[in-house]
């Protein structure tokens, strides 16, 4: 399913990723989409929804980070290739 936007936050450690996901879902009407853990434990959490919700979710982390945040993004109008990557992550092909 396609969404208007995706919000991504990268942290170090799976436990931190879960805490970030919880905060993002409480801050805005977003849906957990996928996650990917790589590069020495860097965990990228992805939520999906409309542009304003994804922006609010990511901003909640930027404004009140529950842990050290490596990077964060909001991707609006995602390309077909990006959506394909999300589908692969959800299917477990990291």
N, C-alpha and C. Protein backbone atom coordinates (compact mmCIF):
# COMPACT_ATOMS: atom_id res chain seq x y z
N UNK A 1 0.85 -1.19 0.00
CA UNK A 1 0.00 0.00 0.00
C UNK A 1 0.89 1.24 0.00
N UNK A 2 0.56 2.20 -0.80
CA UNK A 2 1.33 3.43 -0.85
C UNK A 2 0.81 4.46 0.14
N UNK A 3 1.67 5.31 0.60
CA UNK A 3 1.32 6.37 1.54
C UNK A 3 1.80 7.70 0.98
N UNK A 4 1.29 8.79 1.53
CA UNK A 4 1.73 10.10 1.12
C UNK A 4 3.12 10.42 1.60
N UNK A 5 3.52 9.78 2.69
CA UNK A 5 4.85 10.07 3.25
C UNK A 5 5.32 8.91 4.11
N UNK A 6 6.61 8.91 4.32
CA UNK A 6 7.26 7.98 5.25
C UNK A 6 8.14 8.80 6.18
N UNK A 7 8.17 8.43 7.44
CA UNK A 7 9.06 9.04 8.41
C UNK A 7 10.09 8.01 8.83
N UNK A 8 11.36 8.39 8.79
CA UNK A 8 12.44 7.47 9.14
C UNK A 8 13.29 8.07 10.24
N UNK A 9 13.64 7.23 11.21
CA UNK A 9 14.56 7.65 12.27
C UNK A 9 15.57 6.53 12.46
N UNK A 10 16.84 6.90 12.46
CA UNK A 10 17.91 5.93 12.65
C UNK A 10 18.56 6.15 14.01
N UNK A 11 18.66 5.05 14.76
CA UNK A 11 19.26 5.08 16.10
C UNK A 11 20.23 3.91 16.21
N UNK A 12 20.96 3.85 17.30
CA UNK A 12 21.87 2.74 17.54
C UNK A 12 21.21 1.78 18.52
N UNK A 13 20.88 0.59 18.05
CA UNK A 13 20.33 -0.44 18.92
C UNK A 13 18.85 -0.68 18.71
N UNK A 14 18.48 -1.93 18.71
CA UNK A 14 17.08 -2.34 18.49
C UNK A 14 16.16 -1.84 19.59
N UNK A 15 16.60 -1.90 20.83
CA UNK A 15 15.77 -1.42 21.94
C UNK A 15 15.45 0.07 21.78
N UNK A 16 16.45 0.84 21.38
CA UNK A 16 16.21 2.27 21.13
C UNK A 16 15.23 2.45 19.98
N UNK A 17 15.31 1.61 18.97
CA UNK A 17 14.37 1.67 17.86
C UNK A 17 12.94 1.45 18.30
N UNK A 18 12.73 0.54 19.21
CA UNK A 18 11.38 0.27 19.72
C UNK A 18 10.86 1.47 20.51
N UNK A 19 11.72 2.09 21.30
CA UNK A 19 11.32 3.27 22.07
C UNK A 19 10.95 4.41 21.12
N UNK A 20 11.74 4.61 20.08
CA UNK A 20 11.46 5.65 19.08
C UNK A 20 10.12 5.37 18.39
N UNK A 21 9.90 4.13 17.99
CA UNK A 21 8.64 3.77 17.34
C UNK A 21 7.46 4.07 18.24
N UNK A 22 7.56 3.72 19.49
CA UNK A 22 6.47 3.98 20.44
C UNK A 22 6.17 5.48 20.52
N UNK A 23 7.20 6.28 20.65
CA UNK A 23 7.01 7.73 20.75
C UNK A 23 6.39 8.29 19.48
N UNK A 24 6.85 7.84 18.32
CA UNK A 24 6.32 8.34 17.05
C UNK A 24 4.84 8.00 16.90
N UNK A 25 4.47 6.78 17.26
CA UNK A 25 3.07 6.36 17.13
C UNK A 25 2.16 7.09 18.11
N UNK A 26 2.68 7.47 19.26
CA UNK A 26 1.90 8.24 20.23
C UNK A 26 1.77 9.70 19.82
N UNK A 27 2.73 10.21 19.06
CA UNK A 27 2.76 11.63 18.70
C UNK A 27 1.86 11.95 17.51
N UNK A 28 1.59 10.97 16.66
CA UNK A 28 0.85 11.26 15.43
C UNK A 28 0.15 10.00 14.93
N UNK A 29 -0.76 10.19 14.02
CA UNK A 29 -1.53 9.09 13.44
C UNK A 29 -0.71 8.46 12.30
N UNK A 30 0.31 7.69 12.71
CA UNK A 30 1.16 6.99 11.75
C UNK A 30 1.09 5.50 12.01
N UNK A 31 1.50 4.74 11.02
CA UNK A 31 1.48 3.28 11.10
C UNK A 31 2.92 2.77 10.98
N UNK A 32 3.26 1.82 11.83
CA UNK A 32 4.57 1.16 11.70
C UNK A 32 4.62 0.50 10.34
N UNK A 33 5.67 0.78 9.60
CA UNK A 33 5.80 0.23 8.26
C UNK A 33 6.89 -0.83 8.19
N UNK A 34 8.08 -0.53 8.69
CA UNK A 34 9.21 -1.47 8.58
C UNK A 34 10.35 -1.00 9.46
N UNK A 35 11.34 -1.86 9.60
CA UNK A 35 12.59 -1.48 10.25
C UNK A 35 13.71 -2.29 9.63
N UNK A 36 14.91 -1.80 9.83
CA UNK A 36 16.08 -2.47 9.28
C UNK A 36 17.25 -2.21 10.21
N UNK A 37 17.90 -3.28 10.66
CA UNK A 37 19.06 -3.15 11.53
C UNK A 37 20.29 -3.58 10.76
N UNK A 38 21.28 -2.67 10.71
CA UNK A 38 22.53 -2.92 9.97
C UNK A 38 23.66 -2.12 10.57
N UNK A 39 24.80 -2.24 9.96
CA UNK A 39 25.96 -1.40 10.23
C UNK A 39 26.26 -1.26 11.71
N UNK A 40 26.59 -2.32 12.35
CA UNK A 40 26.98 -2.25 13.74
C UNK A 40 25.83 -1.95 14.68
N UNK A 41 24.62 -2.32 14.30
CA UNK A 41 23.48 -2.14 15.19
C UNK A 41 22.64 -0.91 14.91
N UNK A 42 22.92 -0.18 13.85
CA UNK A 42 22.08 0.96 13.50
C UNK A 42 20.71 0.44 13.10
N UNK A 43 19.67 0.95 13.74
CA UNK A 43 18.30 0.51 13.48
C UNK A 43 17.53 1.67 12.87
N UNK A 44 16.99 1.45 11.67
CA UNK A 44 16.18 2.46 11.01
C UNK A 44 14.72 2.05 11.16
N UNK A 45 13.94 2.91 11.80
CA UNK A 45 12.52 2.70 12.01
C UNK A 45 11.76 3.52 10.98
N UNK A 46 10.74 2.92 10.36
CA UNK A 46 9.97 3.60 9.32
C UNK A 46 8.50 3.57 9.70
N UNK A 47 7.87 4.76 9.70
CA UNK A 47 6.43 4.86 9.86
C UNK A 47 5.86 5.46 8.60
N UNK A 48 4.56 5.25 8.39
CA UNK A 48 3.91 5.75 7.18
C UNK A 48 2.61 6.44 7.54
N UNK A 49 2.21 7.36 6.68
CA UNK A 49 0.95 8.07 6.86
C UNK A 49 0.91 9.27 5.95
N UNK A 50 0.06 10.22 6.29
CA UNK A 50 0.05 11.43 5.46
C UNK A 50 1.23 12.32 5.84
N UNK A 51 1.47 13.32 5.03
CA UNK A 51 2.66 14.16 5.21
C UNK A 51 2.69 14.82 6.58
N UNK A 52 1.58 15.39 7.01
CA UNK A 52 1.58 16.10 8.30
C UNK A 52 1.80 15.14 9.47
N UNK A 53 1.24 13.95 9.39
CA UNK A 53 1.41 12.98 10.48
C UNK A 53 2.86 12.49 10.55
N UNK A 54 3.45 12.17 9.41
CA UNK A 54 4.85 11.71 9.42
C UNK A 54 5.78 12.82 9.88
N UNK A 55 5.49 14.04 9.47
CA UNK A 55 6.30 15.17 9.91
C UNK A 55 6.20 15.34 11.41
N UNK A 56 4.99 15.25 11.96
CA UNK A 56 4.79 15.39 13.41
C UNK A 56 5.49 14.27 14.17
N UNK A 57 5.43 13.05 13.64
CA UNK A 57 6.08 11.91 14.30
C UNK A 57 7.60 12.10 14.35
N UNK A 58 8.19 12.49 13.24
CA UNK A 58 9.63 12.69 13.20
C UNK A 58 10.03 13.89 14.06
N UNK A 59 9.25 14.95 13.99
CA UNK A 59 9.55 16.14 14.82
C UNK A 59 9.49 15.82 16.31
N UNK A 60 8.60 14.90 16.70
CA UNK A 60 8.53 14.52 18.12
C UNK A 60 9.84 13.92 18.59
N UNK A 61 10.52 13.22 17.71
CA UNK A 61 11.82 12.63 18.05
C UNK A 61 12.90 13.70 18.03
N UNK A 62 12.85 14.56 17.03
CA UNK A 62 13.86 15.63 16.94
C UNK A 62 13.77 16.57 18.15
N UNK A 63 12.56 16.89 18.59
CA UNK A 63 12.36 17.84 19.68
C UNK A 63 12.60 17.22 21.06
N UNK A 64 12.30 15.94 21.18
CA UNK A 64 12.43 15.27 22.48
C UNK A 64 13.00 13.86 22.27
N UNK A 65 14.26 13.76 21.89
CA UNK A 65 14.83 12.45 21.58
C UNK A 65 14.93 11.56 22.82
N UNK A 66 14.41 10.33 22.74
CA UNK A 66 14.50 9.41 23.88
C UNK A 66 15.86 8.73 23.98
N UNK A 67 16.70 8.93 22.96
CA UNK A 67 18.03 8.33 22.89
C UNK A 67 18.83 9.13 21.87
N UNK A 68 20.08 8.75 21.66
CA UNK A 68 20.86 9.41 20.63
C UNK A 68 20.29 9.07 19.25
N UNK A 69 20.00 10.09 18.49
CA UNK A 69 19.45 9.90 17.14
C UNK A 69 20.57 10.15 16.14
N UNK A 70 20.77 9.20 15.25
CA UNK A 70 21.80 9.32 14.23
C UNK A 70 21.31 10.22 13.10
N UNK A 71 20.09 9.98 12.66
CA UNK A 71 19.54 10.77 11.56
C UNK A 71 18.03 10.59 11.52
N UNK A 72 17.36 11.54 10.88
CA UNK A 72 15.91 11.44 10.73
C UNK A 72 15.49 12.13 9.44
N UNK A 73 14.43 11.63 8.83
CA UNK A 73 13.96 12.15 7.56
C UNK A 73 12.46 11.99 7.45
N UNK A 74 11.86 12.83 6.60
CA UNK A 74 10.50 12.64 6.12
C UNK A 74 10.59 12.58 4.61
N UNK A 75 10.06 11.53 4.03
CA UNK A 75 10.07 11.38 2.58
C UNK A 75 8.63 11.54 2.10
N UNK A 76 8.39 12.58 1.32
CA UNK A 76 7.06 12.83 0.80
C UNK A 76 6.98 12.37 -0.64
N UNK A 77 5.80 11.90 -1.04
CA UNK A 77 5.63 11.43 -2.41
C UNK A 77 6.67 10.40 -2.78
N UNK A 78 6.80 9.32 -2.01
CA UNK A 78 7.87 8.35 -2.25
C UNK A 78 7.83 7.74 -3.65
N UNK A 79 9.01 7.51 -4.18
CA UNK A 79 9.13 6.90 -5.51
C UNK A 79 8.75 5.42 -5.43
N UNK A 80 8.51 4.85 -6.59
CA UNK A 80 8.21 3.42 -6.67
C UNK A 80 9.35 2.58 -6.14
N UNK A 81 10.57 3.01 -6.39
CA UNK A 81 11.74 2.28 -5.90
C UNK A 81 11.80 2.28 -4.37
N UNK A 82 11.48 3.44 -3.76
CA UNK A 82 11.48 3.51 -2.31
C UNK A 82 10.41 2.57 -1.74
N UNK A 83 9.23 2.59 -2.33
CA UNK A 83 8.15 1.71 -1.87
C UNK A 83 8.57 0.26 -2.00
N UNK A 84 9.29 -0.08 -3.08
CA UNK A 84 9.78 -1.45 -3.27
C UNK A 84 10.75 -1.84 -2.16
N UNK A 85 11.63 -0.93 -1.77
CA UNK A 85 12.56 -1.20 -0.66
C UNK A 85 11.78 -1.45 0.63
N UNK A 86 10.75 -0.66 0.88
CA UNK A 86 9.94 -0.86 2.09
C UNK A 86 9.27 -2.23 2.07
N UNK A 87 8.78 -2.64 0.93
CA UNK A 87 8.16 -3.96 0.82
C UNK A 87 9.18 -5.06 1.08
N UNK A 88 10.40 -4.88 0.60
CA UNK A 88 11.45 -5.87 0.85
C UNK A 88 11.81 -5.91 2.34
N UNK A 89 11.90 -4.75 2.97
CA UNK A 89 12.20 -4.73 4.41
C UNK A 89 11.09 -5.44 5.17
N UNK A 90 9.84 -5.17 4.82
CA UNK A 90 8.72 -5.80 5.52
C UNK A 90 8.73 -7.31 5.34
N UNK A 91 9.18 -7.75 4.19
CA UNK A 91 9.23 -9.19 3.90
C UNK A 91 10.46 -9.86 4.53
N UNK A 92 11.35 -9.06 5.11
CA UNK A 92 12.51 -9.62 5.77
C UNK A 92 13.74 -9.73 4.91
N UNK A 93 13.69 -9.22 3.70
CA UNK A 93 14.86 -9.24 2.82
C UNK A 93 15.62 -7.95 3.02
N UNK A 94 16.53 -7.97 3.97
CA UNK A 94 17.27 -6.77 4.34
C UNK A 94 18.53 -6.72 3.56
